[in-house]
């Protein structure tokens, strides 16, 4: 490792071990490889190792003024809690690259079997749960709840907009071919009815959490899109552009919606679309973070574009 006081064999052993564990080693592992407790303490004091938990160290590739890498945090939590522990909930969703959760992760969720009680740690949130065969996978050697179990656990705990974003992301990225396994994993658990109501709303065509949240607001507001990923075509049927949402039933011209995070409630900003006989709305996170705002913008535009029957002429 990064110390003149370590032999070549010790350095090679620890480097290989850290590579398998996201850059993290236990003090016990370092001592088994040949370091003394004082040598470990010296590496930490000189800033060459970083203590992530008591007796758990990140051995390199970190910036002291920045959070540790995600994989290192998760490996540190697993090593801290023992070989029977499994990374779960939001931590599992993040390492599986499911989009829709807040960027901050103040603690790592860890599942433990009954009878395991590690010392409390504010950087960890511990859960006692039994996992069925197939509900644990290994990502780069790290035990993590399988995607269906991860989603089922989260659906019961987080807001609906985040939950739908995660479901959309799982389908969009091909993490799951469908949500039947999630349905089985969540069924009969407390709060299952609410969670299962979201499953039919999920759509893998959504490419971002902003799309998912905007669509959910429209569904709640009674103005669900008629189409997703609407294609603008020229006279020869060639695609000119694609928008996230389209409303067209009973309208004089289509209403298009784009959740690109750059425009406003109007038609300026964001990516440019070719001129055409349509109305365009753009939605941002500022719109989506205010419940009912996206649906309200759509409802107002629909009223303006709705085909109204002509009044009968009086004889």
C-alpha atoms as a PDB file:
ATOM      1  CA  UNK A   1       0.000   0.000   0.000  1.00  0.00           C
ATOM      2  CA  UNK A   2       1.010   3.667   0.161  1.00  0.00           C
ATOM      3  CA  UNK A   3       3.531   3.362   2.965  1.00  0.00           C
ATOM      4  CA  UNK A   4       7.255   2.736   3.116  1.00  0.00           C
ATOM      5  CA  UNK A   5       6.725   0.662   6.232  1.00  0.00           C
ATOM      6  CA  UNK A   6       4.837  -2.054   4.399  1.00  0.00           C
ATOM      7  CA  UNK A   7       6.624  -4.912   2.672  1.00  0.00           C
ATOM      8  CA  UNK A   8       6.041  -5.711  -0.975  1.00  0.00           C
ATOM      9  CA  UNK A   9       4.112  -8.866  -0.119  1.00  0.00           C
ATOM     10  CA  UNK A  10       1.895  -7.025   2.354  1.00  0.00           C
ATOM     11  CA  UNK A  11       1.266  -4.253  -0.162  1.00  0.00           C
ATOM     12  CA  UNK A  12       0.389  -6.753  -2.899  1.00  0.00           C
ATOM     13  CA  UNK A  13      -1.960  -8.688  -0.635  1.00  0.00           C
ATOM     14  CA  UNK A  14      -3.795  -5.588   0.588  1.00  0.00           C
ATOM     15  CA  UNK A  15      -3.997  -4.052  -2.877  1.00  0.00           C
ATOM     16  CA  UNK A  16      -5.612  -7.216  -4.270  1.00  0.00           C
ATOM     17  CA  UNK A  17      -7.990  -7.433  -1.315  1.00  0.00           C
ATOM     18  CA  UNK A  18      -9.012  -3.775  -1.570  1.00  0.00           C
ATOM     19  CA  UNK A  19      -9.611  -4.147  -5.302  1.00  0.00           C
ATOM     20  CA  UNK A  20     -12.130  -6.927  -4.572  1.00  0.00           C
ATOM     21  CA  UNK A  21     -13.838  -4.865  -1.856  1.00  0.00           C
ATOM     22  CA  UNK A  22     -14.405  -1.493  -3.505  1.00  0.00           C
ATOM     23  CA  UNK A  23     -11.121  -0.122  -2.180  1.00  0.00           C
ATOM     24  CA  UNK A  24     -12.018  -0.933   1.442  1.00  0.00           C
ATOM     25  CA  UNK A  25     -10.369  -3.208   4.019  1.00  0.00           C
ATOM     26  CA  UNK A  26     -10.954  -4.086   7.644  1.00  0.00           C
ATOM     27  CA  UNK A  27      -8.270  -3.398  10.232  1.00  0.00           C
ATOM     28  CA  UNK A  28      -8.334  -7.116  11.011  1.00  0.00           C
ATOM     29  CA  UNK A  29      -7.651  -7.914   7.345  1.00  0.00           C
ATOM     30  CA  UNK A  30      -4.777  -5.421   7.253  1.00  0.00           C
ATOM     31  CA  UNK A  31      -3.248  -7.010  10.348  1.00  0.00           C
ATOM     32  CA  UNK A  32      -3.637 -10.491   8.899  1.00  0.00           C
ATOM     33  CA  UNK A  33      -1.775  -9.254   5.810  1.00  0.00           C
ATOM     34  CA  UNK A  34       1.136  -8.060   7.955  1.00  0.00           C
ATOM     35  CA  UNK A  35       0.409  -4.527   9.198  1.00  0.00           C
ATOM     36  CA  UNK A  36       0.454  -3.671  12.880  1.00  0.00           C
ATOM     37  CA  UNK A  37      -2.263  -1.610  14.564  1.00  0.00           C
ATOM     38  CA  UNK A  38       0.209   1.312  14.822  1.00  0.00           C
ATOM     39  CA  UNK A  39       0.985   1.123  11.109  1.00  0.00           C
ATOM     40  CA  UNK A  40      -2.721   1.252  10.271  1.00  0.00           C
ATOM     41  CA  UNK A  41      -3.120   4.246  12.582  1.00  0.00           C
ATOM     42  CA  UNK A  42      -0.181   5.942  10.883  1.00  0.00           C
ATOM     43  CA  UNK A  43      -1.679   5.473   7.415  1.00  0.00           C
ATOM     44  CA  UNK A  44      -4.878   7.151   8.591  1.00  0.00           C
ATOM     45  CA  UNK A  45      -3.051  10.012  10.336  1.00  0.00           C
ATOM     46  CA  UNK A  46      -1.021  10.754   7.195  1.00  0.00           C
ATOM     47  CA  UNK A  47      -4.191  10.861   5.097  1.00  0.00           C
ATOM     48  CA  UNK A  48      -3.326   7.804   3.022  1.00  0.00           C
ATOM     49  CA  UNK A  49      -6.218   5.790   4.394  1.00  0.00           C
ATOM     50  CA  UNK A  50      -9.635   7.119   5.375  1.00  0.00           C
ATOM     51  CA  UNK A  51     -11.675   5.662   8.227  1.00  0.00           C
ATOM     52  CA  UNK A  52     -15.263   5.063   7.048  1.00  0.00           C
ATOM     53  CA  UNK A  53     -16.409   3.167  10.146  1.00  0.00           C
ATOM     54  CA  UNK A  54     -14.673   1.891  13.236  1.00  0.00           C
ATOM     55  CA  UNK A  55     -12.046  -0.523  11.960  1.00  0.00           C
ATOM     56  CA  UNK A  56     -13.036  -0.038   8.288  1.00  0.00           C
ATOM     57  CA  UNK A  57     -10.782   1.947   5.935  1.00  0.00           C
ATOM     58  CA  UNK A  58     -10.767   3.256   2.388  1.00  0.00           C
ATOM     59  CA  UNK A  59      -7.245   2.625   1.171  1.00  0.00           C
ATOM     60  CA  UNK A  60      -6.855   5.012  -1.750  1.00  0.00           C
ATOM     61  CA  UNK A  61      -8.406   6.895  -4.640  1.00  0.00           C
ATOM     62  CA  UNK A  62     -10.312   9.403  -2.505  1.00  0.00           C
ATOM     63  CA  UNK A  63     -10.385  13.161  -2.083  1.00  0.00           C
ATOM     64  CA  UNK A  64     -10.474  14.239   1.592  1.00  0.00           C
ATOM     65  CA  UNK A  65     -12.924  17.073   0.821  1.00  0.00           C
ATOM     66  CA  UNK A  66     -15.398  14.895  -1.093  1.00  0.00           C
ATOM     67  CA  UNK A  67     -17.669  11.989  -0.076  1.00  0.00           C
ATOM     68  CA  UNK A  68     -16.244   8.504  -0.605  1.00  0.00           C
ATOM     69  CA  UNK A  69     -17.268   6.699  -3.804  1.00  0.00           C
ATOM     70  CA  UNK A  70     -20.625   4.934  -3.616  1.00  0.00           C
ATOM     71  CA  UNK A  71     -19.173   1.443  -3.979  1.00  0.00           C
ATOM     72  CA  UNK A  72     -16.672   2.118  -1.182  1.00  0.00           C
ATOM     73  CA  UNK A  73     -19.441   3.313   1.153  1.00  0.00           C
ATOM     74  CA  UNK A  74     -21.488   0.198   0.484  1.00  0.00           C
ATOM     75  CA  UNK A  75     -18.570  -2.183   0.909  1.00  0.00           C
ATOM     76  CA  UNK A  76     -17.634  -0.413   4.137  1.00  0.00           C
ATOM     77  CA  UNK A  77     -21.190  -0.855   5.448  1.00  0.00           C
ATOM     78  CA  UNK A  78     -21.213  -4.551   4.500  1.00  0.00           C
ATOM     79  CA  UNK A  79     -17.809  -5.211   6.110  1.00  0.00           C
ATOM     80  CA  UNK A  80     -18.839  -3.260   9.200  1.00  0.00           C
ATOM     81  CA  UNK A  81     -22.006  -5.362   9.614  1.00  0.00           C
ATOM     82  CA  UNK A  82     -20.541  -8.768   8.793  1.00  0.00           C
ATOM     83  CA  UNK A  83     -20.735 -11.374   6.019  1.00  0.00           C
ATOM     84  CA  UNK A  84     -24.457 -12.106   6.555  1.00  0.00           C
ATOM     85  CA  UNK A  85     -25.420  -8.470   5.873  1.00  0.00           C
ATOM     86  CA  UNK A  86     -26.995  -7.367   2.577  1.00  0.00           C
ATOM     87  CA  UNK A  87     -27.125  -3.860   1.083  1.00  0.00           C
ATOM     88  CA  UNK A  88     -30.765  -2.839   0.569  1.00  0.00           C
ATOM     89  CA  UNK A  89     -33.349  -0.135  -0.162  1.00  0.00           C
ATOM     90  CA  UNK A  90     -31.992   3.178  -1.458  1.00  0.00           C
ATOM     91  CA  UNK A  91     -28.364   2.062  -1.344  1.00  0.00           C
ATOM     92  CA  UNK A  92     -29.209  -1.012  -3.416  1.00  0.00           C
ATOM     93  CA  UNK A  93     -31.222   1.059  -5.901  1.00  0.00           C
ATOM     94  CA  UNK A  94     -28.323   3.447  -6.398  1.00  0.00           C
ATOM     95  CA  UNK A  95     -25.723   0.756  -6.999  1.00  0.00           C
ATOM     96  CA  UNK A  96     -28.183  -0.861  -9.448  1.00  0.00           C
ATOM     97  CA  UNK A  97     -28.355   2.563 -11.173  1.00  0.00           C
ATOM     98  CA  UNK A  98     -32.096   2.985 -10.763  1.00  0.00           C
ATOM     99  CA  UNK A  99     -32.992   6.664 -11.161  1.00  0.00           C
ATOM    100  CA  UNK A 100     -35.513   8.607  -9.120  1.00  0.00           C
ATOM    101  CA  UNK A 101     -34.123   8.973  -5.597  1.00  0.00           C
ATOM    102  CA  UNK A 102     -32.670  12.209  -4.183  1.00  0.00           C
ATOM    103  CA  UNK A 103     -28.927  12.558  -4.831  1.00  0.00           C
ATOM    104  CA  UNK A 104     -28.088  12.699  -1.128  1.00  0.00           C
ATOM    105  CA  UNK A 105     -27.694   9.413   0.753  1.00  0.00           C
ATOM    106  CA  UNK A 106     -27.217  10.261   4.446  1.00  0.00           C
ATOM    107  CA  UNK A 107     -26.956   6.610   5.489  1.00  0.00           C
ATOM    108  CA  UNK A 108     -26.620   3.138   3.999  1.00  0.00           C
ATOM    109  CA  UNK A 109     -29.519   0.697   4.469  1.00  0.00           C
ATOM    110  CA  UNK A 110     -28.405  -2.795   5.482  1.00  0.00           C
ATOM    111  CA  UNK A 111     -30.514  -5.923   5.964  1.00  0.00           C
ATOM    112  CA  UNK A 112     -29.477  -8.352   8.687  1.00  0.00           C
ATOM    113  CA  UNK A 113     -30.803 -11.760   9.708  1.00  0.00           C
ATOM    114  CA  UNK A 114     -32.365 -12.176  13.105  1.00  0.00           C
ATOM    115  CA  UNK A 115     -29.818 -12.446  15.888  1.00  0.00           C
ATOM    116  CA  UNK A 116     -27.271 -10.086  14.296  1.00  0.00           C
ATOM    117  CA  UNK A 117     -26.911  -6.808  16.199  1.00  0.00           C
ATOM    118  CA  UNK A 118     -23.816  -4.776  15.241  1.00  0.00           C
ATOM    119  CA  UNK A 119     -22.968  -1.674  17.210  1.00  0.00           C
ATOM    120  CA  UNK A 120     -25.119   1.355  16.311  1.00  0.00           C
ATOM    121  CA  UNK A 121     -23.655   3.698  13.702  1.00  0.00           C
ATOM    122  CA  UNK A 122     -25.321   6.910  12.505  1.00  0.00           C
ATOM    123  CA  UNK A 123     -24.027   6.271   8.980  1.00  0.00           C
ATOM    124  CA  UNK A 124     -25.990   3.011   8.819  1.00  0.00           C
ATOM    125  CA  UNK A 125     -29.687   2.188   9.009  1.00  0.00           C
ATOM    126  CA  UNK A 126     -30.161  -1.427  10.018  1.00  0.00           C
ATOM    127  CA  UNK A 127     -33.180  -3.623   9.251  1.00  0.00           C
ATOM    128  CA  UNK A 128     -33.945  -7.138  10.434  1.00  0.00           C
ATOM    129  CA  UNK A 129     -35.485  -9.191   7.632  1.00  0.00           C
ATOM    130  CA  UNK A 130     -35.483 -12.642   6.110  1.00  0.00           C
ATOM    131  CA  UNK A 131     -34.618 -12.948   2.436  1.00  0.00           C
ATOM    132  CA  UNK A 132     -35.875 -15.746   0.219  1.00  0.00           C
ATOM    133  CA  UNK A 133     -33.626 -17.581  -2.243  1.00  0.00           C
ATOM    134  CA  UNK A 134     -33.116 -15.410  -5.307  1.00  0.00           C
ATOM    135  CA  UNK A 135     -33.645 -12.138  -3.435  1.00  0.00           C
ATOM    136  CA  UNK A 136     -29.889 -11.480  -3.145  1.00  0.00           C
ATOM    137  CA  UNK A 137     -27.514 -10.821  -6.020  1.00  0.00           C
ATOM    138  CA  UNK A 138     -23.814  -9.956  -6.040  1.00  0.00           C
ATOM    139  CA  UNK A 139     -22.619  -6.837  -7.797  1.00  0.00           C
ATOM    140  CA  UNK A 140     -18.826  -6.859  -8.076  1.00  0.00           C
ATOM    141  CA  UNK A 141     -18.856  -9.266  -5.154  1.00  0.00           C
ATOM    142  CA  UNK A 142     -21.105  -7.099  -2.960  1.00  0.00           C
ATOM    143  CA  UNK A 143     -24.329  -8.755  -1.688  1.00  0.00           C
ATOM    144  CA  UNK A 144     -27.296  -6.576  -2.643  1.00  0.00           C
ATOM    145  CA  UNK A 145     -31.041  -7.188  -2.631  1.00  0.00           C
ATOM    146  CA  UNK A 146     -32.189  -8.230  -6.110  1.00  0.00           C
ATOM    147  CA  UNK A 147     -33.933  -5.510  -8.163  1.00  0.00           C
ATOM    148  CA  UNK A 148     -37.467  -6.811  -7.574  1.00  0.00           C
ATOM    149  CA  UNK A 149     -36.935  -7.033  -3.807  1.00  0.00           C
ATOM    150  CA  UNK A 150     -35.240  -3.614  -3.794  1.00  0.00           C
ATOM    151  CA  UNK A 151     -38.185  -2.015  -5.584  1.00  0.00           C
ATOM    152  CA  UNK A 152     -40.752  -3.792  -3.403  1.00  0.00           C
ATOM    153  CA  UNK A 153     -39.051  -2.582  -0.223  1.00  0.00           C
ATOM    154  CA  UNK A 154     -38.850   0.986  -1.511  1.00  0.00           C
ATOM    155  CA  UNK A 155     -42.429   1.160  -2.831  1.00  0.00           C
ATOM    156  CA  UNK A 156     -43.645   0.653   0.722  1.00  0.00           C
ATOM    157  CA  UNK A 157     -41.537   3.479   2.125  1.00  0.00           C
ATOM    158  CA  UNK A 158     -41.039   6.374  -0.310  1.00  0.00           C
ATOM    159  CA  UNK A 159     -43.297   8.978  -1.980  1.00  0.00           C
ATOM    160  CA  UNK A 160     -45.236   7.869  -5.046  1.00  0.00           C
ATOM    161  CA  UNK A 161     -43.386  10.155  -7.457  1.00  0.00           C
ATOM    162  CA  UNK A 162     -40.018   8.663  -6.484  1.00  0.00           C
ATOM    163  CA  UNK A 163     -41.468   5.145  -6.569  1.00  0.00           C
ATOM    164  CA  UNK A 164     -42.874   5.557 -10.089  1.00  0.00           C
ATOM    165  CA  UNK A 165     -39.563   7.006 -11.255  1.00  0.00           C
ATOM    166  CA  UNK A 166     -37.745   3.916  -9.984  1.00  0.00           C
ATOM    167  CA  UNK A 167     -40.220   1.573 -11.667  1.00  0.00           C
ATOM    168  CA  UNK A 168     -39.925   3.461 -14.955  1.00  0.00           C
ATOM    169  CA  UNK A 169     -36.142   3.388 -14.673  1.00  0.00           C
ATOM    170  CA  UNK A 170     -36.058  -0.361 -14.061  1.00  0.00           C
ATOM    171  CA  UNK A 171     -38.134  -0.964 -17.189  1.00  0.00           C
ATOM    172  CA  UNK A 172     -36.329   1.623 -19.308  1.00  0.00           C
ATOM    173  CA  UNK A 173     -32.900   0.198 -18.516  1.00  0.00           C
ATOM    174  CA  UNK A 174     -34.003  -3.406 -18.882  1.00  0.00           C
ATOM    175  CA  UNK A 175     -33.151  -4.189 -15.263  1.00  0.00           C
ATOM    176  CA  UNK A 176     -36.482  -6.063 -15.201  1.00  0.00           C
ATOM    177  CA  UNK A 177     -38.461  -7.239 -18.238  1.00  0.00           C
ATOM    178  CA  UNK A 178     -41.743  -6.485 -16.441  1.00  0.00           C
ATOM    179  CA  UNK A 179     -43.002  -5.835 -12.931  1.00  0.00           C
ATOM    180  CA  UNK A 180     -44.600  -9.207 -12.189  1.00  0.00           C
ATOM    181  CA  UNK A 181     -41.774 -10.130  -9.820  1.00  0.00           C
ATOM    182  CA  UNK A 182     -42.134  -6.810  -7.996  1.00  0.00           C
ATOM    183  CA  UNK A 183     -45.855  -7.473  -7.630  1.00  0.00           C
ATOM    184  CA  UNK A 184     -45.160 -10.868  -6.064  1.00  0.00           C
ATOM    185  CA  UNK A 185     -42.499  -9.402  -3.757  1.00  0.00           C
ATOM    186  CA  UNK A 186     -44.758  -6.662  -2.420  1.00  0.00           C
ATOM    187  CA  UNK A 187     -48.043  -8.572  -2.214  1.00  0.00           C
ATOM    188  CA  UNK A 188     -49.471  -9.284   1.246  1.00  0.00           C
ATOM    189  CA  UNK A 189     -47.074  -6.860   2.935  1.00  0.00           C
ATOM    190  CA  UNK A 190     -48.398  -3.896   4.958  1.00  0.00           C
ATOM    191  CA  UNK A 191     -49.141  -1.053   2.550  1.00  0.00           C
ATOM    192  CA  UNK A 192     -49.163  -3.363  -0.468  1.00  0.00           C
ATOM    193  CA  UNK A 193     -52.426  -2.033  -1.924  1.00  0.00           C
ATOM    194  CA  UNK A 194     -51.061   1.498  -2.310  1.00  0.00           C
ATOM    195  CA  UNK A 195     -47.786   0.228  -3.734  1.00  0.00           C
ATOM    196  CA  UNK A 196     -49.431  -2.118  -6.216  1.00  0.00           C
ATOM    197  CA  UNK A 197     -51.601   0.696  -7.576  1.00  0.00           C
ATOM    198  CA  UNK A 198     -48.440   2.243  -9.022  1.00  0.00           C
ATOM    199  CA  UNK A 199     -47.411  -0.827 -11.010  1.00  0.00           C
ATOM    200  CA  UNK A 200     -49.904  -0.350 -13.893  1.00  0.00           C
ATOM    201  CA  UNK A 201     -48.764   3.282 -14.242  1.00  0.00           C
ATOM    202  CA  UNK A 202     -45.114   2.395 -14.864  1.00  0.00           C
ATOM    203  CA  UNK A 203     -43.824   2.839 -18.397  1.00  0.00           C
ATOM    204  CA  UNK A 204     -40.340   2.011 -19.631  1.00  0.00           C
ATOM    205  CA  UNK A 205     -40.492   4.706 -22.299  1.00  0.00           C
ATOM    206  CA  UNK A 206     -39.783   7.328 -19.637  1.00  0.00           C
ATOM    207  CA  UNK A 207     -36.095   8.192 -19.911  1.00  0.00           C
ATOM    208  CA  UNK A 208     -35.794  10.443 -16.853  1.00  0.00           C
ATOM    209  CA  UNK A 209     -37.231  10.938 -13.400  1.00  0.00           C
ATOM    210  CA  UNK A 210     -38.589  14.328 -14.492  1.00  0.00           C
ATOM    211  CA  UNK A 211     -40.676  12.597 -17.169  1.00  0.00           C
ATOM    212  CA  UNK A 212     -42.026  10.142 -14.607  1.00  0.00           C
ATOM    213  CA  UNK A 213     -42.925  12.814 -12.048  1.00  0.00           C
ATOM    214  CA  UNK A 214     -44.533  15.052 -14.687  1.00  0.00           C
ATOM    215  CA  UNK A 215     -46.600  12.155 -16.050  1.00  0.00           C
ATOM    216  CA  UNK A 216     -47.771  11.170 -12.574  1.00  0.00           C
ATOM    217  CA  UNK A 217     -48.889  14.726 -11.866  1.00  0.00           C
ATOM    218  CA  UNK A 218     -50.926  14.690 -15.075  1.00  0.00           C
ATOM    219  CA  UNK A 219     -52.496  11.336 -14.174  1.00  0.00           C
ATOM    220  CA  UNK A 220     -53.399  12.598 -10.704  1.00  0.00           C
ATOM    221  CA  UNK A 221     -54.805  15.784 -12.238  1.00  0.00           C
ATOM    222  CA  UNK A 222     -57.075  13.939 -14.650  1.00  0.00           C
ATOM    223  CA  UNK A 223     -55.146  14.908 -17.817  1.00  0.00           C
ATOM    224  CA  UNK A 224     -53.002  11.844 -18.652  1.00  0.00           C
ATOM    225  CA  UNK A 225     -51.105  12.056 -21.953  1.00  0.00           C
ATOM    226  CA  UNK A 226     -52.664  10.322 -24.947  1.00  0.00           C
ATOM    227  CA  UNK A 227     -49.232   9.233 -26.192  1.00  0.00           C
ATOM    228  CA  UNK A 228     -45.660   9.025 -24.912  1.00  0.00           C
ATOM    229  CA  UNK A 229     -42.555   9.623 -27.045  1.00  0.00           C
ATOM    230  CA  UNK A 230     -44.596  11.301 -29.760  1.00  0.00           C
ATOM    231  CA  UNK A 231     -42.842  11.520 -33.132  1.00  0.00           C
ATOM    232  CA  UNK A 232     -43.034  14.662 -35.243  1.00  0.00           C
ATOM    233  CA  UNK A 233     -42.946  13.617 -38.885  1.00  0.00           C
ATOM    234  CA  UNK A 234     -42.523  15.537 -42.125  1.00  0.00           C
ATOM    235  CA  UNK A 235     -44.675  15.088 -45.177  1.00  0.00           C
ATOM    236  CA  UNK A 236     -42.663  12.036 -46.216  1.00  0.00           C
ATOM    237  CA  UNK A 237     -43.050  10.304 -42.883  1.00  0.00           C
ATOM    238  CA  UNK A 238     -39.515  11.051 -41.728  1.00  0.00           C
ATOM    239  CA  UNK A 239     -38.995  11.818 -38.037  1.00  0.00           C
ATOM    240  CA  UNK A 240     -38.132  15.431 -37.351  1.00  0.00           C
ATOM    241  CA  UNK A 241     -38.193  15.322 -33.579  1.00  0.00           C
ATOM    242  CA  UNK A 242     -39.655  13.462 -30.613  1.00  0.00           C
ATOM    243  CA  UNK A 243     -41.384  14.832 -27.542  1.00  0.00           C
ATOM    244  CA  UNK A 244     -42.108  13.137 -24.241  1.00  0.00           C
ATOM    245  CA  UNK A 245     -45.895  13.609 -24.203  1.00  0.00           C
ATOM    246  CA  UNK A 246     -48.733  14.312 -26.606  1.00  0.00           C
ATOM    247  CA  UNK A 247     -52.403  15.151 -26.130  1.00  0.00           C
ATOM    248  CA  UNK A 248     -54.516  15.141 -29.286  1.00  0.00           C
ATOM    249  CA  UNK A 249     -57.995  13.766 -28.646  1.00  0.00           C
ATOM    250  CA  UNK A 250     -60.660  16.369 -29.276  1.00  0.00           C
ATOM    251  CA  UNK A 251     -58.127  19.125 -29.968  1.00  0.00           C
ATOM    252  CA  UNK A 252     -57.796  21.488 -32.912  1.00  0.00           C
ATOM    253  CA  UNK A 253     -54.081  20.709 -32.993  1.00  0.00           C
ATOM    254  CA  UNK A 254     -51.802  18.507 -30.874  1.00  0.00           C
ATOM    255  CA  UNK A 255     -50.507  19.637 -27.513  1.00  0.00           C
ATOM    256  CA  UNK A 256     -46.942  18.420 -27.019  1.00  0.00           C
ATOM    257  CA  UNK A 257     -45.094  18.225 -23.713  1.00  0.00           C
ATOM    258  CA  UNK A 258     -41.369  18.019 -23.045  1.00  0.00           C
ATOM    259  CA  UNK A 259     -39.892  17.309 -19.602  1.00  0.00           C
ATOM    260  CA  UNK A 260     -36.395  18.562 -20.409  1.00  0.00           C
ATOM    261  CA  UNK A 261     -35.756  20.631 -17.295  1.00  0.00           C
ATOM    262  CA  UNK A 262     -34.696  23.720 -19.211  1.00  0.00           C
ATOM    263  CA  UNK A 263     -37.784  25.475 -20.443  1.00  0.00           C
ATOM    264  CA  UNK A 264     -40.699  26.918 -18.565  1.00  0.00           C
ATOM    265  CA  UNK A 265     -44.413  26.375 -18.621  1.00  0.00           C
ATOM    266  CA  UNK A 266     -44.468  28.031 -22.041  1.00  0.00           C
ATOM    267  CA  UNK A 267     -42.865  27.287 -25.365  1.00  0.00           C
ATOM    268  CA  UNK A 268     -39.462  28.939 -24.987  1.00  0.00           C
ATOM    269  CA  UNK A 269     -36.171  27.363 -23.958  1.00  0.00           C
ATOM    270  CA  UNK A 270     -35.013  23.776 -24.178  1.00  0.00           C
ATOM    271  CA  UNK A 271     -34.307  21.938 -27.399  1.00  0.00           C
ATOM    272  CA  UNK A 272     -35.648  23.547 -30.550  1.00  0.00           C
ATOM    273  CA  UNK A 273     -38.443  21.807 -32.415  1.00  0.00           C
ATOM    274  CA  UNK A 274     -39.254  22.372 -36.076  1.00  0.00           C
ATOM    275  CA  UNK A 275     -42.166  24.705 -36.777  1.00  0.00           C
ATOM    276  CA  UNK A 276     -45.509  22.979 -37.119  1.00  0.00           C
ATOM    277  CA  UNK A 277     -49.170  23.035 -36.285  1.00  0.00           C
ATOM    278  CA  UNK A 278     -48.898  22.186 -32.597  1.00  0.00           C
ATOM    279  CA  UNK A 279     -48.681  23.755 -29.155  1.00  0.00           C
ATOM    280  CA  UNK A 280     -45.655  22.980 -26.967  1.00  0.00           C
ATOM    281  CA  UNK A 281     -45.298  22.988 -23.194  1.00  0.00           C
ATOM    282  CA  UNK A 282     -41.988  22.435 -21.437  1.00  0.00           C
ATOM    283  CA  UNK A 283     -41.799  21.214 -17.838  1.00  0.00           C
ATOM    284  CA  UNK A 284     -38.955  21.775 -15.385  1.00  0.00           C
ATOM    285  CA  UNK A 285     -38.189  20.428 -11.931  1.00  0.00           C
ATOM    286  CA  UNK A 286     -39.576  23.684 -10.554  1.00  0.00           C
ATOM    287  CA  UNK A 287     -42.895  22.800 -12.202  1.00  0.00           C
ATOM    288  CA  UNK A 288     -42.825  19.149 -11.166  1.00  0.00           C
ATOM    289  CA  UNK A 289     -41.897  19.891  -7.550  1.00  0.00           C
ATOM    290  CA  UNK A 290     -45.155  21.826  -7.053  1.00  0.00           C
ATOM    291  CA  UNK A 291     -48.006  19.294  -6.880  1.00  0.00           C
ATOM    292  CA  UNK A 292     -50.654  19.994  -9.488  1.00  0.00           C
ATOM    293  CA  UNK A 293     -48.672  22.560 -11.447  1.00  0.00           C
ATOM    294  CA  UNK A 294     -47.845  20.388 -14.473  1.00  0.00           C
ATOM    295  CA  UNK A 295     -51.430  19.149 -14.642  1.00  0.00           C
ATOM    296  CA  UNK A 296     -52.666  22.725 -14.311  1.00  0.00           C
ATOM    297  CA  UNK A 297     -50.522  23.917 -17.214  1.00  0.00           C
ATOM    298  CA  UNK A 298     -51.779  21.053 -19.347  1.00  0.00           C
ATOM    299  CA  UNK A 299     -55.423  21.602 -18.371  1.00  0.00           C
ATOM    300  CA  UNK A 300     -55.259  25.281 -19.286  1.00  0.00           C
ATOM    301  CA  UNK A 301     -53.698  24.514 -22.667  1.00  0.00           C
ATOM    302  CA  UNK A 302     -56.239  21.776 -23.382  1.00  0.00           C
ATOM    303  CA  UNK A 303     -59.107  24.160 -22.715  1.00  0.00           C
ATOM    304  CA  UNK A 304     -57.643  26.618 -25.203  1.00  0.00           C
ATOM    305  CA  UNK A 305     -57.177  23.934 -27.870  1.00  0.00           C
ATOM    306  CA  UNK A 306     -60.369  21.949 -27.378  1.00  0.00           C
ATOM    307  CA  UNK A 307     -62.722  21.630 -30.317  1.00  0.00           C
ATOM    308  CA  UNK A 308     -66.048  23.200 -29.387  1.00  0.00           C
ATOM    309  CA  UNK A 309     -69.256  22.523 -31.255  1.00  0.00           C
ATOM    310  CA  UNK A 310     -70.474  25.439 -33.304  1.00  0.00           C
ATOM    311  CA  UNK A 311     -73.672  26.993 -31.990  1.00  0.00           C
ATOM    312  CA  UNK A 312     -76.712  26.120 -34.081  1.00  0.00           C
ATOM    313  CA  UNK A 313     -77.940  28.883 -36.362  1.00  0.00           C
ATOM    314  CA  UNK A 314     -81.277  30.328 -35.473  1.00  0.00           C
ATOM    315  CA  UNK A 315     -83.854  30.170 -38.247  1.00  0.00           C
END
